[in-house]
């Protein structure tokens, strides 16, 4: 029986930027669905407040 040593490959270091990006939810540069709904609701309230009661579509 021969004495062979088991060699394991080294562990790759983790990318420190990945953890930071996951914590701040980096990704899309779009507004979330909730933000879009809120903006639409505010625009509707503003148009009704200024007297636009259906004479034209305010979101074009």
N, C-alpha and C. Protein backbone atom coordinates (compact mmCIF):
# COMPACT_ATOMS: atom_id res chain seq x y z
N UNK A 1 0.83 -1.16 0.00
CA UNK A 1 0.00 0.00 0.00
C UNK A 1 0.89 1.24 0.00
N UNK A 2 0.57 2.19 -0.90
CA UNK A 2 1.39 3.40 -0.99
C UNK A 2 0.76 4.51 -0.17
N UNK A 3 1.58 5.39 0.30
CA UNK A 3 1.09 6.53 1.09
C UNK A 3 0.81 7.70 0.16
N UNK A 4 -0.45 7.87 -0.21
CA UNK A 4 -0.86 9.01 -1.04
C UNK A 4 -1.58 10.01 -0.16
N UNK A 5 -1.24 11.25 -0.35
CA UNK A 5 -1.91 12.30 0.40
C UNK A 5 -3.07 12.84 -0.44
N UNK A 6 -4.14 13.07 0.21
CA UNK A 6 -5.32 13.64 -0.43
C UNK A 6 -5.16 15.16 -0.45
N UNK A 7 -5.19 15.74 -1.64
CA UNK A 7 -5.08 17.20 -1.76
C UNK A 7 -6.41 17.75 -2.22
N UNK A 8 -6.87 18.74 -1.51
CA UNK A 8 -8.12 19.40 -1.85
C UNK A 8 -7.83 20.74 -2.48
N UNK A 9 -8.65 21.13 -3.47
CA UNK A 9 -8.43 22.46 -4.06
C UNK A 9 -8.75 23.55 -3.04
N UNK A 10 -8.09 24.68 -3.18
CA UNK A 10 -8.29 25.78 -2.26
C UNK A 10 -9.68 26.38 -2.41
N UNK A 11 -10.18 26.97 -1.36
CA UNK A 11 -11.50 27.59 -1.38
C UNK A 11 -11.36 28.98 -2.00
N UNK A 12 -12.22 29.26 -2.97
CA UNK A 12 -12.19 30.57 -3.60
C UNK A 12 -12.74 31.61 -2.65
N UNK A 13 -12.13 32.77 -2.58
CA UNK A 13 -12.68 33.82 -1.70
C UNK A 13 -13.99 34.35 -2.26
N UNK A 14 -14.88 34.74 -1.38
CA UNK A 14 -16.16 35.29 -1.79
C UNK A 14 -16.00 36.71 -2.28
N UNK A 15 -16.86 37.08 -3.21
CA UNK A 15 -16.86 38.45 -3.72
C UNK A 15 -17.54 39.35 -2.68
N UNK A 16 -16.84 40.31 -2.11
CA UNK A 16 -17.45 41.13 -1.06
C UNK A 16 -18.54 42.06 -1.59
N UNK A 17 -18.57 42.32 -2.88
CA UNK A 17 -19.58 43.23 -3.43
C UNK A 17 -20.93 42.55 -3.60
N UNK A 18 -20.94 41.24 -3.71
CA UNK A 18 -22.20 40.53 -3.92
C UNK A 18 -23.08 40.63 -2.68
N UNK A 19 -22.52 40.44 -1.52
CA UNK A 19 -23.30 40.50 -0.29
C UNK A 19 -23.90 41.90 -0.11
N UNK A 20 -23.13 42.92 -0.42
CA UNK A 20 -23.64 44.29 -0.28
C UNK A 20 -24.78 44.55 -1.25
N UNK A 21 -24.66 44.05 -2.47
CA UNK A 21 -25.71 44.29 -3.45
C UNK A 21 -26.98 43.53 -3.11
N UNK A 22 -26.84 42.36 -2.54
CA UNK A 22 -28.03 41.60 -2.14
C UNK A 22 -28.74 42.26 -0.96
N UNK A 23 -27.99 42.87 -0.08
CA UNK A 23 -28.60 43.49 1.08
C UNK A 23 -29.39 44.74 0.70
N UNK A 24 -29.00 45.45 -0.31
CA UNK A 24 -29.73 46.66 -0.69
C UNK A 24 -30.65 46.40 -1.88
N UNK A 25 -30.84 45.15 -2.23
CA UNK A 25 -31.74 44.75 -3.31
C UNK A 25 -31.39 45.46 -4.61
N UNK A 26 -30.13 45.44 -4.96
CA UNK A 26 -29.69 46.07 -6.20
C UNK A 26 -30.30 45.34 -7.38
N UNK A 27 -30.50 46.04 -8.44
CA UNK A 27 -31.05 45.40 -9.62
C UNK A 27 -31.75 46.40 -10.51
N UNK A 28 -33.02 46.21 -10.68
CA UNK A 28 -33.80 46.99 -11.62
C UNK A 28 -33.80 48.47 -11.26
N UNK A 29 -33.78 49.30 -12.28
CA UNK A 29 -33.82 50.74 -12.09
C UNK A 29 -35.23 51.27 -12.33
N UNK A 30 -36.21 50.46 -12.04
CA UNK A 30 -37.60 50.85 -12.23
C UNK A 30 -38.24 51.11 -10.89
N UNK A 31 -39.35 51.83 -10.94
CA UNK A 31 -40.13 52.01 -9.73
C UNK A 31 -40.89 50.73 -9.45
N UNK A 32 -41.13 50.47 -8.20
CA UNK A 32 -41.86 49.27 -7.83
C UNK A 32 -43.34 49.45 -8.19
N UNK A 33 -44.06 48.35 -8.15
CA UNK A 33 -45.49 48.39 -8.45
C UNK A 33 -46.25 49.27 -7.49
N UNK A 34 -45.89 49.22 -6.22
CA UNK A 34 -46.54 50.06 -5.23
C UNK A 34 -46.30 51.54 -5.48
N UNK A 35 -45.09 51.87 -5.89
CA UNK A 35 -44.77 53.27 -6.18
C UNK A 35 -45.54 53.77 -7.39
N UNK A 36 -45.71 52.92 -8.39
CA UNK A 36 -46.48 53.32 -9.58
C UNK A 36 -47.95 53.51 -9.24
N UNK A 37 -48.51 52.62 -8.40
CA UNK A 37 -49.90 52.77 -7.99
C UNK A 37 -50.09 54.06 -7.19
N UNK A 38 -49.15 54.35 -6.31
CA UNK A 38 -49.24 55.56 -5.49
C UNK A 38 -49.17 56.81 -6.37
N UNK A 39 -48.29 56.80 -7.37
CA UNK A 39 -48.17 57.95 -8.27
C UNK A 39 -49.46 58.15 -9.06
N UNK A 40 -50.07 57.06 -9.52
CA UNK A 40 -51.31 57.16 -10.28
C UNK A 40 -52.44 57.69 -9.40
N UNK A 41 -52.48 57.22 -8.15
CA UNK A 41 -53.51 57.67 -7.22
C UNK A 41 -53.36 59.16 -6.92
N UNK A 42 -52.12 59.62 -6.73
CA UNK A 42 -51.88 61.03 -6.47
C UNK A 42 -52.24 61.88 -7.68
N UNK A 43 -51.94 61.40 -8.88
CA UNK A 43 -52.27 62.14 -10.09
C UNK A 43 -53.79 62.24 -10.26
N UNK A 44 -54.49 61.16 -9.95
CA UNK A 44 -55.95 61.17 -10.05
C UNK A 44 -56.54 62.17 -9.06
N UNK A 45 -56.05 62.16 -7.83
CA UNK A 45 -56.55 63.11 -6.83
C UNK A 45 -56.27 64.55 -7.25
N UNK A 46 -55.08 64.79 -7.80
CA UNK A 46 -54.73 66.15 -8.22
C UNK A 46 -55.61 66.61 -9.37
N UNK A 47 -55.90 65.71 -10.33
CA UNK A 47 -56.74 66.10 -11.47
C UNK A 47 -58.17 66.36 -11.01
N UNK A 48 -58.67 65.58 -10.06
CA UNK A 48 -60.02 65.81 -9.55
C UNK A 48 -60.08 67.10 -8.73
N UNK A 49 -59.01 67.39 -8.02
CA UNK A 49 -58.97 68.60 -7.21
C UNK A 49 -59.00 69.85 -8.08
N UNK A 50 -58.37 69.77 -9.26
CA UNK A 50 -58.29 70.92 -10.16
C UNK A 50 -59.46 70.99 -11.13
N UNK A 51 -60.46 70.15 -10.93
CA UNK A 51 -61.69 70.27 -11.72
C UNK A 51 -61.72 69.47 -13.01
N UNK A 52 -60.83 68.54 -13.20
CA UNK A 52 -60.86 67.72 -14.41
C UNK A 52 -61.71 66.49 -14.11
N UNK A 53 -63.01 66.60 -14.35
CA UNK A 53 -63.94 65.54 -13.99
C UNK A 53 -64.37 64.74 -15.22
N UNK A 54 -63.46 64.30 -16.02
CA UNK A 54 -63.80 63.44 -17.15
C UNK A 54 -63.84 64.14 -18.49
N UNK A 55 -63.49 65.43 -18.55
CA UNK A 55 -63.51 66.11 -19.84
C UNK A 55 -62.37 65.66 -20.73
N UNK A 56 -61.32 65.12 -20.14
CA UNK A 56 -60.22 64.52 -20.91
C UNK A 56 -59.50 63.51 -20.03
N UNK A 57 -58.75 62.68 -20.66
CA UNK A 57 -58.03 61.64 -19.92
C UNK A 57 -56.74 62.25 -19.41
N UNK A 58 -56.51 62.33 -18.08
CA UNK A 58 -55.38 63.09 -17.54
C UNK A 58 -54.03 62.40 -17.64
N UNK A 59 -53.99 61.13 -18.05
CA UNK A 59 -52.73 60.39 -18.00
C UNK A 59 -52.11 60.17 -19.37
N UNK A 60 -52.45 60.99 -20.36
CA UNK A 60 -51.87 60.81 -21.69
C UNK A 60 -50.65 61.65 -21.88
